[in-house]
């Protein structure tokens, strides 16, 4: 779909062509199985993949509008779905990285990273009367009326 300039050798990722379904599938598998490798890829390479995906999506959209053959339309729709799945997975990885960076920044600043809500707990002692339990659980700002 798109003319992809070949990149320097350096592993399977450097030779991927995001405009083909087979390579998009390999990209999705790599992002899911080896997220650290995907994160370690240069921003330029990720930008190139995103650009090629965008171009492939535009060409597929044009092809879908211009063809009248049902079989060809189904094939193009499958290509568009694959492009969208790959783009969504790339964005999910970016958001995951952003959230992790935010969390690490909060940890470095000594701030909490998770929201934890607590609620008051009333502890009842077996064998104590209700009056004694109420007084034992009462705080100075929340005095319980006594019942005899």
Protein backbone atom coordinates (compact mmCIF):
# COMPACT_ATOMS: atom_id res chain seq x y z
CA UNK A 1 0.00 0.00 0.00
CA UNK A 2 2.70 2.50 0.93
CA UNK A 3 6.27 2.76 -0.26
CA UNK A 4 8.34 2.18 2.83
CA UNK A 5 11.99 3.19 2.69
CA UNK A 6 14.10 0.30 3.98
CA UNK A 7 15.79 0.92 7.28
CA UNK A 8 19.17 -0.30 8.43
CA UNK A 9 19.50 -3.90 9.50
CA UNK A 10 19.21 -4.49 13.22
CA UNK A 11 16.52 -7.04 13.82
CA UNK A 12 13.09 -8.03 12.62
CA UNK A 13 11.51 -4.78 13.77
CA UNK A 14 13.72 -2.65 11.51
CA UNK A 15 12.49 -4.48 8.39
CA UNK A 16 8.75 -4.30 9.14
CA UNK A 17 6.43 -2.66 6.64
CA UNK A 18 3.33 -1.36 8.48
CA UNK A 19 1.44 -1.14 5.21
CA UNK A 20 1.16 -4.96 4.99
CA UNK A 21 -1.19 -7.07 7.13
CA UNK A 22 1.48 -9.66 7.92
CA UNK A 23 3.86 -7.06 9.32
CA UNK A 24 1.08 -5.25 11.20
CA UNK A 25 0.26 -8.57 12.85
CA UNK A 26 3.92 -9.01 13.77
CA UNK A 27 3.95 -5.49 15.23
CA UNK A 28 0.89 -6.20 17.37
CA UNK A 29 2.39 -9.48 18.57
CA UNK A 30 5.68 -7.78 19.41
CA UNK A 31 3.94 -5.00 21.33
CA UNK A 32 1.90 -7.52 23.33
CA UNK A 33 4.64 -10.10 23.99
CA UNK A 34 7.69 -7.88 24.31
CA UNK A 35 6.54 -4.42 25.44
CA UNK A 36 10.03 -3.47 26.67
CA UNK A 37 11.45 -3.96 23.18
CA UNK A 38 8.70 -1.83 21.68
CA UNK A 39 9.28 0.89 24.29
CA UNK A 40 12.98 0.77 23.52
CA UNK A 41 12.41 1.55 19.85
CA UNK A 42 13.36 5.08 18.83
CA UNK A 43 10.65 7.74 18.62
CA UNK A 44 11.65 8.31 14.97
CA UNK A 45 10.91 4.67 14.13
CA UNK A 46 7.55 4.82 15.95
CA UNK A 47 6.71 8.06 14.13
CA UNK A 48 7.62 6.44 10.80
CA UNK A 49 5.34 3.47 11.58
CA UNK A 50 2.49 5.81 12.52
CA UNK A 51 3.00 7.82 9.31
CA UNK A 52 2.98 4.69 7.13
CA UNK A 53 -0.13 3.39 8.93
CA UNK A 54 -1.86 6.71 8.28
CA UNK A 55 -0.94 6.62 4.60
CA UNK A 56 -2.09 3.00 4.30
CA UNK A 57 -5.39 3.93 5.97
CA UNK A 58 -5.94 6.83 3.57
CA UNK A 59 -5.21 4.63 0.54
CA UNK A 60 -7.50 1.89 1.86
CA UNK A 61 -10.27 4.45 2.41
CA UNK A 62 -9.89 5.72 -1.15
CA UNK A 63 -9.88 2.15 -2.49
CA UNK A 64 -13.04 1.37 -0.54
CA UNK A 65 -14.83 4.38 -2.04
CA UNK A 66 -13.75 3.68 -5.62
CA UNK A 67 -14.33 -0.07 -5.92
CA UNK A 68 -17.71 -1.64 -6.61
CA UNK A 69 -16.59 -5.26 -6.34
CA UNK A 70 -17.98 -6.73 -3.10
CA UNK A 71 -15.06 -9.14 -2.61
CA UNK A 72 -12.57 -6.32 -3.02
CA UNK A 73 -14.55 -4.11 -0.61
CA UNK A 74 -14.50 -6.89 2.02
CA UNK A 75 -10.75 -7.27 1.59
CA UNK A 76 -10.22 -3.51 1.96
CA UNK A 77 -12.46 -3.41 5.05
CA UNK A 78 -10.28 -6.16 6.56
CA UNK A 79 -7.18 -4.08 5.78
CA UNK A 80 -8.75 -1.01 7.43
CA UNK A 81 -9.65 -3.06 10.51
CA UNK A 82 -6.07 -4.32 10.74
CA UNK A 83 -4.70 -0.79 10.42
CA UNK A 84 -7.03 0.45 13.14
CA UNK A 85 -6.14 -2.46 15.49
CA UNK A 86 -2.45 -1.72 15.05
CA UNK A 87 -2.88 2.04 15.55
CA UNK A 88 -4.99 1.47 18.67
CA UNK A 89 -2.38 -0.88 20.09
CA UNK A 90 0.37 1.68 19.43
CA UNK A 91 -1.67 4.37 21.20
CA UNK A 92 -2.42 2.05 24.13
CA UNK A 93 1.31 1.44 24.53
CA UNK A 94 1.95 5.21 24.47
CA UNK A 95 -0.71 5.82 27.11
CA UNK A 96 0.67 3.01 29.26
CA UNK A 97 4.12 4.58 29.04
CA UNK A 98 2.70 8.01 29.94
CA UNK A 99 0.83 6.62 32.96
CA UNK A 100 3.94 4.77 34.13
CA UNK A 101 6.02 7.94 33.79
CA UNK A 102 3.42 9.89 35.81
CA UNK A 103 3.39 7.20 38.50
CA UNK A 104 7.20 7.12 38.69
CA UNK A 105 7.26 10.92 38.91
CA UNK A 106 4.82 10.86 41.83
CA UNK A 107 6.87 8.15 43.54
CA UNK A 108 10.04 10.22 43.09
CA UNK A 109 8.26 13.21 44.66
CA UNK A 110 7.09 11.10 47.61
CA UNK A 111 3.42 11.37 46.62
CA UNK A 112 0.86 8.58 46.62
CA UNK A 113 0.31 6.78 43.33
CA UNK A 114 -2.95 5.01 44.03
CA UNK A 115 -6.18 6.25 45.52
CA UNK A 116 -7.13 4.36 48.63
CA UNK A 117 -10.32 5.22 50.46
CA UNK A 118 -10.83 4.13 54.01
CA UNK A 119 -14.00 4.08 56.00
CA UNK A 120 -14.50 4.00 59.75
CA UNK A 121 -14.67 0.56 61.26
CA UNK A 122 -16.66 -0.32 64.34
CA UNK A 123 -15.20 -3.14 66.39
CA UNK A 124 -17.58 -4.99 68.64
CA UNK A 125 -16.19 -7.10 71.42
CA UNK A 126 -18.04 -10.31 72.10
CA UNK A 127 -19.35 -10.42 75.64
CA UNK A 128 -19.52 -6.63 76.09
CA UNK A 129 -22.84 -4.89 76.44
CA UNK A 130 -23.99 -2.52 73.68
CA UNK A 131 -23.34 0.42 76.00
CA UNK A 132 -19.75 -0.65 76.62
CA UNK A 133 -19.18 -1.29 72.88
CA UNK A 134 -20.59 2.14 71.99
CA UNK A 135 -18.35 3.86 74.51
CA UNK A 136 -15.29 1.87 73.41
CA UNK A 137 -15.88 2.83 69.75
CA UNK A 138 -16.72 6.47 70.46
CA UNK A 139 -14.19 9.12 69.57
CA UNK A 140 -14.04 12.51 71.29
CA UNK A 141 -15.70 14.18 68.30
CA UNK A 142 -18.34 11.45 67.95
CA UNK A 143 -19.76 10.64 71.35
CA UNK A 144 -22.42 7.99 71.38
CA UNK A 145 -25.46 8.40 73.65
CA UNK A 146 -25.61 5.73 76.32
CA UNK A 147 -28.63 3.53 76.74
CA UNK A 148 -29.29 1.66 79.97
